Amino acid sequence: MTSRAKKVKVVKSAASAKKKSKLSFFPEALEELKKAYWPTWQEALRLSFLVVIVCGVMGVILGALDYGFTKLLGGLLLSG
């Protein structure tokens, strides 16, 4: 069987699938939200602080690199 024949079968089976109502999205979404893992207040607070700390550290590192490259390129371009 060729790959084209396989594609035709997939399209036919998808087209023959039962159509859902557009409003059935909402109950299905609520069901999925019930299945999700929701962190406790302490976990959410701890992880939020971790994100803030990591962002601060990365900001300092990138700021230092930016400052260093600015001084380096400024020195090379202005002195040359």
C-alpha atoms as a PDB file:
ATOM      1  CA  MET A   1       0.000   0.000   0.000  1.00  0.00           C
ATOM      2  CA  THR A   2       1.420   3.386  -0.937  1.00  0.00           C
ATOM      3  CA  SER A   3       1.650   6.360   1.354  1.00  0.00           C
ATOM      4  CA  ARG A   4      -0.974   8.122  -0.752  1.00  0.00           C
ATOM      5  CA  ALA A   5      -3.460   5.339  -0.119  1.00  0.00           C
ATOM      6  CA  LYS A   6      -2.762   5.578   3.615  1.00  0.00           C
ATOM      7  CA  LYS A   7      -3.421   9.327   3.568  1.00  0.00           C
ATOM      8  CA  VAL A   8      -6.722   8.777   1.798  1.00  0.00           C
ATOM      9  CA  LYS A   9      -7.800   6.277   4.467  1.00  0.00           C
ATOM     10  CA  VAL A  10      -6.891   8.695   7.257  1.00  0.00           C
ATOM     11  CA  VAL A  11      -8.860  11.510   5.636  1.00  0.00           C
ATOM     12  CA  LYS A  12     -11.876   9.267   5.125  1.00  0.00           C
ATOM     13  CA  SER A  13     -11.863   8.079   8.737  1.00  0.00           C
ATOM     14  CA  ALA A  14     -11.542  11.644  10.030  1.00  0.00           C
ATOM     15  CA  ALA A  15     -14.388  12.815   7.825  1.00  0.00           C
ATOM     16  CA  SER A  16     -16.622   9.983   8.977  1.00  0.00           C
ATOM     17  CA  ALA A  17     -15.991  10.791  12.644  1.00  0.00           C
ATOM     18  CA  LYS A  18     -18.960  12.035  14.607  1.00  0.00           C
ATOM     19  CA  LYS A  19     -19.146  15.845  14.640  1.00  0.00           C
ATOM     20  CA  LYS A  20     -19.222  17.440  18.069  1.00  0.00           C
ATOM     21  CA  SER A  21     -21.248  20.427  19.053  1.00  0.00           C
ATOM     22  CA  LYS A  22     -19.273  23.644  19.355  1.00  0.00           C
ATOM     23  CA  LEU A  23     -20.632  24.092  22.860  1.00  0.00           C
ATOM     24  CA  SER A  24     -19.280  20.715  24.007  1.00  0.00           C
ATOM     25  CA  PHE A  25     -15.889  22.398  24.339  1.00  0.00           C
ATOM     26  CA  PHE A  26     -16.752  23.978  27.690  1.00  0.00           C
ATOM     27  CA  PRO A  27     -17.743  20.844  29.640  1.00  0.00           C
ATOM     28  CA  GLU A  28     -14.723  19.017  28.194  1.00  0.00           C
ATOM     29  CA  ALA A  29     -12.436  21.873  29.225  1.00  0.00           C
ATOM     30  CA  LEU A  30     -13.820  21.795  32.761  1.00  0.00           C
ATOM     31  CA  GLU A  31     -13.223  18.040  32.944  1.00  0.00           C
ATOM     32  CA  GLU A  32      -9.603  18.522  31.881  1.00  0.00           C
ATOM     33  CA  LEU A  33      -9.138  21.262  34.488  1.00  0.00           C
ATOM     34  CA  LYS A  34     -10.365  18.877  37.177  1.00  0.00           C
ATOM     35  CA  LYS A  35      -7.699  16.363  36.121  1.00  0.00           C
ATOM     36  CA  ALA A  36      -4.892  18.941  36.293  1.00  0.00           C
ATOM     37  CA  TYR A  37      -2.476  19.086  39.222  1.00  0.00           C
ATOM     38  CA  TRP A  38      -2.968  22.272  41.200  1.00  0.00           C
ATOM     39  CA  PRO A  39      -0.108  23.245  43.534  1.00  0.00           C
ATOM     40  CA  THR A  40      -0.718  24.155  47.139  1.00  0.00           C
ATOM     41  CA  TRP A  41      -0.409  27.780  48.253  1.00  0.00           C
ATOM     42  CA  GLN A  42       3.039  27.090  49.755  1.00  0.00           C
ATOM     43  CA  GLU A  43       4.287  25.431  46.570  1.00  0.00           C
ATOM     44  CA  ALA A  44       3.011  28.275  44.398  1.00  0.00           C
ATOM     45  CA  LEU A  45       4.632  30.869  46.673  1.00  0.00           C
ATOM     46  CA  ARG A  46       7.953  29.004  46.803  1.00  0.00           C
ATOM     47  CA  LEU A  47       8.073  28.532  43.031  1.00  0.00           C
ATOM     48  CA  SER A  48       7.127  32.178  42.435  1.00  0.00           C
ATOM     49  CA  PHE A  49      10.011  33.314  44.623  1.00  0.00           C
ATOM     50  CA  LEU A  50      12.316  30.970  42.728  1.00  0.00           C
ATOM     51  CA  VAL A  51      11.241  32.524  39.415  1.00  0.00           C
ATOM     52  CA  VAL A  52      11.839  36.042  40.757  1.00  0.00           C
ATOM     53  CA  ILE A  53      15.312  35.083  42.029  1.00  0.00           C
ATOM     54  CA  VAL A  54      16.305  33.398  38.758  1.00  0.00           C
ATOM     55  CA  CYS A  55      15.070  36.402  36.760  1.00  0.00           C
ATOM     56  CA  GLY A  56      17.057  38.743  39.006  1.00  0.00           C
ATOM     57  CA  VAL A  57      20.247  36.704  38.670  1.00  0.00           C
ATOM     58  CA  MET A  58      19.861  36.464  34.902  1.00  0.00           C
ATOM     59  CA  GLY A  59      19.195  40.215  34.728  1.00  0.00           C
ATOM     60  CA  VAL A  60      22.405  40.956  36.633  1.00  0.00           C
ATOM     61  CA  ILE A  61      24.435  38.578  34.444  1.00  0.00           C
ATOM     62  CA  LEU A  62      23.035  39.956  31.178  1.00  0.00           C
ATOM     63  CA  GLY A  63      23.403  43.538  32.427  1.00  0.00           C
ATOM     64  CA  ALA A  64      27.045  42.933  33.312  1.00  0.00           C
ATOM     65  CA  LEU A  65      27.717  41.355  29.921  1.00  0.00           C
ATOM     66  CA  ASP A  66      26.001  44.259  28.159  1.00  0.00           C
ATOM     67  CA  TYR A  67      27.993  46.798  30.143  1.00  0.00           C
ATOM     68  CA  GLY A  68      31.259  44.955  29.463  1.00  0.00           C
ATOM     69  CA  PHE A  69      30.639  44.641  25.729  1.00  0.00           C
ATOM     70  CA  THR A  70      29.572  48.290  25.528  1.00  0.00           C
ATOM     71  CA  LYS A  71      32.805  49.426  27.197  1.00  0.00           C
ATOM     72  CA  LEU A  72      34.896  47.037  25.083  1.00  0.00           C
ATOM     73  CA  LEU A  73      33.384  48.064  21.752  1.00  0.00           C
ATOM     74  CA  GLY A  74      33.338  51.742  22.765  1.00  0.00           C
ATOM     75  CA  GLY A  75      37.054  51.546  23.576  1.00  0.00           C
ATOM     76  CA  LEU A  76      37.880  49.761  20.337  1.00  0.00           C
ATOM     77  CA  LEU A  77      35.858  52.068  18.104  1.00  0.00           C
ATOM     78  CA  LEU A  78      36.787  55.370  19.735  1.00  0.00           C
ATOM     79  CA  SER A  79      40.485  54.644  20.166  1.00  0.00           C
ATOM     80  CA  GLY A  80      40.978  53.319  16.629  1.00  0.00           C
END
